[in-house]
């Protein structure tokens, strides 16, 4: 049997996960996979984020279903590939609120959501003092809810881990841009396009106009002068502040931002960095600019309804696309990739309405 030629255009969270599934499925020898990505501005390589979607107040049930199942997918992949704690760490999540009444509301939501999401694990109400004990470098004045199933992930290390595994089997990686033509598309059994904020440019030669826009995201890594004694620590989603991710007992990630109308700018903004630092200082008053060890910048893709999308391009039965992940990409992206890879491995034109609106919703 002749191998099926598969092209993956875009090597971020979706592309790298699709490549992993195509390399580890039972039929992996049937696929000759090429991944094209020049890497410029890629959101995944700049991202570190919290995998804890269960207490989100977003009303979009398709998004929540993707996120809930995506949290399971990420953990499963982390276990299968033996990711270290610098790549994926199920450390638990603390979400704080400014009153015990609001904490009780979160607890009630958590108990309801856990029925369909056993990965949530233990749910516990925390006083402000207990929050401080669990994350001793912070000065926190709010109570919280602890969810033991919460985790954090480093996007760059995640994708590199999966691509290394796939390259040992059937994946060839090429660091280059691709200009699509209908003649080029005919050379492949399936093409998966997942170029994020650049997807509109990727599809333009095929006369498709996709409604996605770029959003700049920046985060900072802080290094403490004096390590704290406690490690590991939960990640913190503090009331009114940026996400707070202790990597170890000396490094903390703060962010990321959501900057609209910046196009594809990848230059650090002193104003934004100061804002991130100020958020950290409200939790750790002794932090200064001297504690900033790293600044990461990437470009996300957003849709008008802030929802991800995926499916076949109209009138092209061998071209799949997936994107529009926004700030939840590290959670929703792996689940979208799993569904796209399943369609390549065993095509059955599934009903994806439970996860996404029709692709036509995002095309002009």
Protein backbone atom coordinates (compact mmCIF):
# COMPACT_ATOMS: atom_id res chain seq x y z
CA UNK A 1 0.00 0.00 0.00
CA UNK A 2 1.28 3.45 -0.94
CA UNK A 3 1.71 5.75 2.04
CA UNK A 4 -0.71 8.65 2.28
CA UNK A 5 1.04 12.00 1.99
CA UNK A 6 -0.12 14.31 4.77
CA UNK A 7 0.82 17.98 5.11
CA UNK A 8 0.50 19.90 8.36
CA UNK A 9 0.90 23.65 7.89
CA UNK A 10 1.62 25.27 11.23
CA UNK A 11 3.50 23.64 14.09
CA UNK A 12 1.89 25.17 17.14
CA UNK A 13 -0.35 23.45 19.68
CA UNK A 14 -2.67 21.98 17.04
CA UNK A 15 -0.06 21.05 14.43
CA UNK A 16 2.37 19.42 16.86
CA UNK A 17 -0.43 17.42 18.51
CA UNK A 18 -1.81 16.23 15.16
CA UNK A 19 1.72 15.13 14.21
CA UNK A 20 2.00 13.23 17.50
CA UNK A 21 -1.26 11.35 16.97
CA UNK A 22 -0.39 10.46 13.37
CA UNK A 23 2.97 9.11 14.57
CA UNK A 24 1.65 7.06 17.47
CA UNK A 25 -1.54 5.54 16.04
CA UNK A 26 -1.64 1.90 14.95
CA UNK A 27 -1.63 2.95 11.27
CA UNK A 28 1.39 5.27 11.57
CA UNK A 29 3.29 3.43 8.84
CA UNK A 30 0.52 4.38 6.38
CA UNK A 31 1.30 8.09 6.69
CA UNK A 32 4.16 10.15 5.30
CA UNK A 33 3.78 13.41 7.20
CA UNK A 34 5.45 16.76 6.47
CA UNK A 35 5.07 19.70 8.84
CA UNK A 36 5.75 23.21 7.51
CA UNK A 37 6.34 26.06 9.95
CA UNK A 38 8.74 29.01 9.90
CA UNK A 39 8.09 29.62 13.62
CA UNK A 40 7.78 33.40 13.47
CA UNK A 41 5.62 34.80 16.27
CA UNK A 42 4.05 31.44 17.04
CA UNK A 43 1.80 31.74 20.09
CA UNK A 44 2.54 28.24 21.40
CA UNK A 45 6.32 28.77 21.57
CA UNK A 46 5.81 31.90 23.67
CA UNK A 47 3.05 30.50 25.85
CA UNK A 48 2.84 29.11 29.34
CA UNK A 49 -0.63 28.69 30.73
CA UNK A 50 -2.97 27.17 33.25
CA UNK A 51 -5.00 24.06 32.37
CA UNK A 52 -8.02 24.53 34.61
CA UNK A 53 -11.17 25.35 32.59
CA UNK A 54 -13.82 23.95 34.89
CA UNK A 55 -14.78 27.10 36.81
CA UNK A 56 -14.95 29.38 33.78
CA UNK A 57 -18.11 31.49 33.57
CA UNK A 58 -18.08 31.49 29.76
CA UNK A 59 -21.52 30.57 28.46
CA UNK A 60 -20.32 29.03 25.19
CA UNK A 61 -21.03 25.34 25.73
CA UNK A 62 -19.09 24.29 22.64
CA UNK A 63 -16.01 26.05 24.00
CA UNK A 64 -16.47 24.52 27.45
CA UNK A 65 -16.83 21.02 26.00
CA UNK A 66 -13.58 21.45 24.02
CA UNK A 67 -11.80 22.87 27.07
CA UNK A 68 -13.07 20.22 29.47
CA UNK A 69 -12.07 17.39 27.18
CA UNK A 70 -8.87 19.17 26.21
CA UNK A 71 -7.71 19.15 29.83
CA UNK A 72 -8.08 15.36 29.80
CA UNK A 73 -6.23 15.07 26.48
CA UNK A 74 -3.27 17.16 27.68
CA UNK A 75 -2.89 15.06 30.82
CA UNK A 76 -3.09 11.82 28.85
CA UNK A 77 -0.43 13.00 26.40
CA UNK A 78 1.77 14.17 29.28
CA UNK A 79 1.56 10.70 30.84
CA UNK A 80 2.12 8.85 27.56
CA UNK A 81 5.19 10.93 26.68
CA UNK A 82 6.54 11.14 30.24
CA UNK A 83 6.73 14.91 30.24
CA UNK A 84 8.81 16.38 33.04
CA UNK A 85 7.46 18.92 35.52
CA UNK A 86 9.07 21.76 33.55
CA UNK A 87 6.75 20.92 30.64
CA UNK A 88 3.50 19.81 32.31
CA UNK A 89 2.77 19.80 36.01
CA UNK A 90 -0.51 18.92 37.68
CA UNK A 91 0.14 21.12 40.69
CA UNK A 92 -3.45 22.15 41.42
CA UNK A 93 -5.13 25.51 40.88
CA UNK A 94 -6.24 28.17 43.35
CA UNK A 95 -8.90 30.67 42.22
CA UNK A 96 -9.41 33.58 44.61
CA UNK A 97 -12.42 35.85 45.11
CA UNK A 98 -12.99 38.92 47.27
CA UNK A 99 -15.66 37.37 49.53
CA UNK A 100 -16.65 34.02 51.02
CA UNK A 101 -20.08 34.41 49.39
CA UNK A 102 -18.46 34.36 45.94
CA UNK A 103 -16.25 31.46 47.02
CA UNK A 104 -19.36 29.49 47.95
CA UNK A 105 -20.75 30.18 44.46
CA UNK A 106 -17.56 28.79 42.94
CA UNK A 107 -17.71 25.73 45.18
CA UNK A 108 -21.28 25.03 44.05
CA UNK A 109 -20.25 25.39 40.39
CA UNK A 110 -17.24 23.11 40.97
CA UNK A 111 -19.37 20.37 42.52
CA UNK A 112 -21.81 20.57 39.59
CA UNK A 113 -19.06 20.52 36.95
CA UNK A 114 -17.15 17.65 38.57
CA UNK A 115 -19.93 15.23 37.64
CA UNK A 116 -18.74 15.43 34.02
CA UNK A 117 -15.09 16.23 34.81
CA UNK A 118 -13.58 13.77 37.30
CA UNK A 119 -10.12 15.14 36.45
CA UNK A 120 -10.97 18.11 38.68
CA UNK A 121 -10.09 15.94 41.66
CA UNK A 122 -10.34 17.42 45.15
CA UNK A 123 -12.31 20.65 45.62
CA UNK A 124 -11.46 22.61 48.75
CA UNK A 125 -12.41 25.98 50.23
CA UNK A 126 -9.36 27.97 51.39
CA UNK A 127 -9.02 30.91 53.74
CA UNK A 128 -6.67 33.73 52.75
CA UNK A 129 -4.16 32.46 55.32
CA UNK A 130 -4.22 28.97 53.77
CA UNK A 131 -3.61 30.43 50.32
CA UNK A 132 -0.54 32.16 51.76
CA UNK A 133 0.68 28.91 53.29
CA UNK A 134 0.36 27.02 50.00
CA UNK A 135 2.14 29.77 48.01
CA UNK A 136 4.42 31.37 50.61
CA UNK A 137 5.98 34.04 48.38
CA UNK A 138 2.64 35.87 47.98
CA UNK A 139 0.85 38.32 50.24
CA UNK A 140 -2.75 37.45 49.47
CA UNK A 141 -5.79 38.92 51.20
CA UNK A 142 -8.50 36.86 49.49
CA UNK A 143 -9.92 33.38 50.14
CA UNK A 144 -9.88 30.81 47.37
CA UNK A 145 -11.01 27.51 45.91
CA UNK A 146 -8.43 24.78 45.38
CA UNK A 147 -8.92 22.30 42.53
CA UNK A 148 -6.32 19.53 42.69
CA UNK A 149 -6.66 18.55 39.01
CA UNK A 150 -5.48 21.93 37.75
CA UNK A 151 -2.14 22.07 35.96
CA UNK A 152 0.20 24.34 34.07
CA UNK A 153 1.98 23.75 30.77
CA UNK A 154 4.92 25.26 28.90
CA UNK A 155 3.89 25.53 25.24
CA UNK A 156 7.38 25.54 23.74
CA UNK A 157 8.56 22.47 25.63
CA UNK A 158 5.25 20.65 24.95
CA UNK A 159 5.46 21.06 21.16
CA UNK A 160 9.16 20.21 21.07
CA UNK A 161 8.51 17.00 23.01
CA UNK A 162 5.75 15.87 20.66
CA UNK A 163 7.63 16.76 17.49
CA UNK A 164 10.73 14.87 18.62
CA UNK A 165 8.61 11.75 19.16
CA UNK A 166 6.87 12.12 15.77
CA UNK A 167 10.17 12.71 13.93
CA UNK A 168 11.38 9.31 15.10
CA UNK A 169 8.62 7.68 13.05
CA UNK A 170 6.90 9.36 10.11
CA UNK A 171 7.29 13.14 10.46
CA UNK A 172 9.54 15.41 8.39
CA UNK A 173 9.74 18.98 9.70
CA UNK A 174 10.52 21.87 7.35
CA UNK A 175 11.15 25.38 8.62
CA UNK A 176 9.51 27.29 5.80
CA UNK A 177 6.36 29.08 4.74
CA UNK A 178 3.99 27.49 2.27
CA UNK A 179 2.04 29.21 -0.49
CA UNK A 180 -0.97 27.05 -1.23
CA UNK A 181 -2.33 26.45 -4.72
CA UNK A 182 -4.99 24.01 -5.84
CA UNK A 183 -2.32 22.14 -7.79
CA UNK A 184 -0.18 21.77 -4.66
CA UNK A 185 -3.18 20.60 -2.63
CA UNK A 186 -3.77 17.73 -5.07
CA UNK A 187 -0.38 16.27 -4.14
CA UNK A 188 -1.58 15.37 -0.64
CA UNK A 189 -4.19 12.96 0.67
CA UNK A 190 -4.96 15.40 3.48
CA UNK A 191 -3.76 18.87 4.43
CA UNK A 192 -4.28 20.27 7.94
CA UNK A 193 -3.92 24.05 8.12
CA UNK A 194 -3.36 25.45 11.61
CA UNK A 195 -1.36 28.64 11.14
CA UNK A 196 -3.10 30.58 13.90
CA UNK A 197 -3.25 34.34 13.41
CA UNK A 198 -1.66 33.91 9.96
CA UNK A 199 -4.39 31.63 8.62
CA UNK A 200 -6.08 34.40 6.67
CA UNK A 201 -2.85 34.87 4.69
CA UNK A 202 -2.45 31.11 4.30
CA UNK A 203 -5.92 30.75 2.77
CA UNK A 204 -5.90 33.90 0.63
CA UNK A 205 -4.34 32.22 -2.46
CA UNK A 206 -7.27 29.77 -2.41
CA UNK A 207 -9.75 32.69 -2.49
CA UNK A 208 -11.00 32.18 1.07
CA UNK A 209 -11.37 35.15 3.41
CA UNK A 210 -11.21 34.00 7.02
CA UNK A 211 -12.46 36.16 9.89
CA UNK A 212 -9.55 35.92 12.31
CA UNK A 213 -7.51 38.70 13.87
CA UNK A 214 -4.15 38.74 15.64
CA UNK A 215 -3.82 39.46 19.33
CA UNK A 216 -0.47 40.11 20.97
CA UNK A 217 0.35 38.31 24.20
CA UNK A 218 3.24 39.07 26.55
CA UNK A 219 4.34 37.39 29.75
CA UNK A 220 7.30 37.71 32.08
CA UNK A 221 9.32 35.22 34.11
CA UNK A 222 10.51 36.44 37.50
CA UNK A 223 13.47 35.06 39.44
CA UNK A 224 13.38 35.43 43.22
CA UNK A 225 16.59 36.48 44.95
CA UNK A 226 15.87 34.01 47.73
CA UNK A 227 14.09 30.71 46.94
CA UNK A 228 11.16 29.81 49.14
CA UNK A 229 11.23 26.57 51.09
CA UNK A 230 8.03 25.12 49.64
CA UNK A 231 7.90 23.34 46.27
CA UNK A 232 5.90 22.36 44.29
CA UNK A 233 3.16 24.97 44.63
CA UNK A 234 -0.29 25.38 43.04
CA UNK A 235 -0.84 27.89 40.27
CA UNK A 236 -2.87 30.94 41.24
CA UNK A 237 -5.65 32.71 39.35
CA UNK A 238 -5.95 35.75 41.63
CA UNK A 239 -8.96 38.03 41.73
CA UNK A 240 -8.32 41.03 39.48
CA UNK A 241 -4.72 40.11 38.64
CA UNK A 242 -2.69 38.28 36.02
CA UNK A 243 -2.20 34.53 36.28
CA UNK A 244 0.55 33.58 38.72
CA UNK A 245 2.45 30.37 37.87
CA UNK A 246 5.21 29.18 40.22
CA UNK A 247 7.49 27.05 38.02
CA UNK A 248 9.67 26.07 40.96
CA UNK A 249 10.63 27.61 44.29
CA UNK A 250 12.52 30.46 42.61
CA UNK A 251 10.77 31.22 39.29
CA UNK A 252 7.27 32.60 38.64
CA UNK A 253 5.49 33.32 35.35
CA UNK A 254 3.15 36.32 35.28
CA UNK A 255 0.66 36.80 32.45
CA UNK A 256 -0.21 36.70 29.72
CA UNK A 257 -1.68 39.90 28.30
CA UNK A 258 -4.44 40.32 25.69
CA UNK A 259 -3.39 43.21 23.42
CA UNK A 260 -5.69 44.03 20.53
CA UNK A 261 -4.87 46.25 17.53
CA UNK A 262 -1.16 45.46 17.68
CA UNK A 263 -1.09 43.48 14.47
CA UNK A 264 1.87 41.10 14.34
CA UNK A 265 4.17 43.24 16.44
CA UNK A 266 6.64 41.12 18.42
CA UNK A 267 8.52 43.91 20.17
CA UNK A 268 8.30 44.09 23.97
CA UNK A 269 6.25 46.96 25.34
CA UNK A 270 7.69 48.67 28.41
CA UNK A 271 4.18 49.80 29.37
CA UNK A 272 2.86 46.24 29.25
CA UNK A 273 5.86 44.80 31.09
CA UNK A 274 5.37 47.41 33.82
CA UNK A 275 1.71 46.41 34.05
CA UNK A 276 2.64 42.73 34.46
CA UNK A 277 5.25 43.66 37.05
CA UNK A 278 2.73 45.81 38.94
CA UNK A 279 0.33 42.86 39.08
CA UNK A 280 3.10 40.71 40.55
CA UNK A 281 4.03 43.44 43.04
CA UNK A 282 0.50 43.51 44.44
CA UNK A 283 1.10 39.90 45.46
CA UNK A 284 4.84 40.20 46.16
CA UNK A 285 5.65 43.81 47.18
CA UNK A 286 9.44 43.34 47.17
CA UNK A 287 9.63 42.41 43.46
CA UNK A 288 11.41 44.93 41.17
CA UNK A 289 12.46 45.09 37.52
CA UNK A 290 15.70 43.39 38.55
CA UNK A 291 13.70 40.20 39.13
CA UNK A 292 12.59 40.00 35.48
CA UNK A 293 14.52 37.15 33.87
CA UNK A 294 12.63 36.67 30.61
CA UNK A 295 9.97 38.28 28.41
CA UNK A 296 7.99 36.10 25.98
CA UNK A 297 5.89 37.48 23.13
CA UNK A 298 3.57 35.67 20.72
CA UNK A 299 0.57 36.31 18.47
CA UNK A 300 -2.74 34.54 19.08
CA UNK A 301 -5.66 34.18 16.69
CA UNK A 302 -9.11 35.42 17.72
CA UNK A 303 -12.50 35.19 16.06
CA UNK A 304 -15.39 37.66 16.32
CA UNK A 305 -17.26 35.35 18.71
CA UNK A 306 -14.09 34.40 20.66
CA UNK A 307 -14.65 30.73 19.77
CA UNK A 308 -12.30 28.18 18.16
CA UNK A 309 -13.24 26.55 14.85
CA UNK A 310 -12.23 23.49 12.87
CA UNK A 311 -13.48 21.37 9.99
CA UNK A 312 -13.21 20.94 6.23
CA UNK A 313 -12.80 23.90 3.92
CA UNK A 314 -15.90 24.18 1.70
CA UNK A 315 -15.40 22.59 -1.74
CA UNK A 316 -12.05 21.04 -0.76
CA UNK A 317 -12.59 17.53 0.59
CA UNK A 318 -8.94 16.98 1.55
CA UNK A 319 -8.25 20.25 3.41
CA UNK A 320 -8.95 20.59 7.14
CA UNK A 321 -8.40 23.73 9.18
CA UNK A 322 -8.37 24.49 12.89
CA UNK A 323 -7.73 27.69 14.79
CA UNK A 324 -9.13 30.79 16.45
CA UNK A 325 -8.01 29.45 19.81
CA UNK A 326 -7.54 32.75 21.61
CA UNK A 327 -6.10 32.62 25.11
CA UNK A 328 -7.37 29.08 25.81
CA UNK A 329 -5.28 27.45 23.08
CA UNK A 330 -3.14 25.30 25.37
CA UNK A 331 -6.36 23.70 26.62
CA UNK A 332 -8.65 23.59 23.56
CA UNK A 333 -5.96 23.08 20.90
CA UNK A 334 -5.04 19.49 21.83
CA UNK A 335 -8.67 18.36 21.71
CA UNK A 336 -9.17 19.96 18.29
CA UNK A 337 -5.98 18.23 17.15
CA UNK A 338 -7.24 14.88 18.40
CA UNK A 339 -10.46 15.26 16.41
CA UNK A 340 -8.62 16.35 13.24
CA UNK A 341 -6.10 13.52 13.53
CA UNK A 342 -8.92 11.01 14.00
CA UNK A 343 -10.46 12.22 10.75
CA UNK A 344 -7.16 11.67 8.91
CA UNK A 345 -6.62 8.22 10.43
CA UNK A 346 -10.13 6.92 9.81
CA UNK A 347 -12.23 9.37 7.74
CA UNK A 348 -15.90 9.22 8.64
CA UNK A 349 -17.10 12.85 8.28
CA UNK A 350 -18.19 13.09 11.92
CA UNK A 351 -20.73 15.44 13.39
CA UNK A 352 -18.65 18.17 15.01
CA UNK A 353 -21.58 20.43 15.91
CA UNK A 354 -21.07 19.75 19.61
CA UNK A 355 -17.65 21.43 19.44
CA UNK A 356 -17.75 24.13 16.79
CA UNK A 357 -20.01 26.18 14.58
CA UNK A 358 -19.86 25.40 10.84
CA UNK A 359 -16.68 26.64 9.17
CA UNK A 360 -18.79 28.88 6.94
CA UNK A 361 -19.53 30.99 10.03
CA UNK A 362 -15.94 32.23 9.93
CA UNK A 363 -15.56 32.65 6.17
CA UNK A 364 -16.56 35.46 3.85
